[in-house]
């Protein structure tokens, strides 16, 4: 995603058409540099007004809870061993600033705990929400 050749691939005329699109960008930003994230957001900002983006980003260590930090430590090590280190961690405020800088309009931020009805987290197994990632929703504003 960070090379010009690959970057141009996402600049397809079909996605720049007059009809809005939905861009789902999940499980990717942690593997990219901040500059590569910014370049991709800049391309998305050129899509048709009304286009919506759902992007997942990982929180910095100081903003994670204990379970999120434990999970991050395990997965980061495994990812790095496979040659795919996690590179970028953003607070909600940092993602908000990045979206605005790239001319995207932030709409909302959703944490794992908020993705389903709170009663659904009352479980008998060990599955629990933790603070590690956030879903950001943004749109391409009218020009």
Foldseek 3Di string as FASTA:
>chain_A
DQDPVVLVVLLDPVQQDQDAAEAEAEPPQQQDAPVSVLSNLLSNLNGHFPHKYKYKFWAPPVQWDPVQNVVCVVVQVVCVVVVRHGHDHDDPVRVCVSNVVSQKAWDDKAAPCRPDDVVVQPDPDDDHGIHTMIITMITNHDD
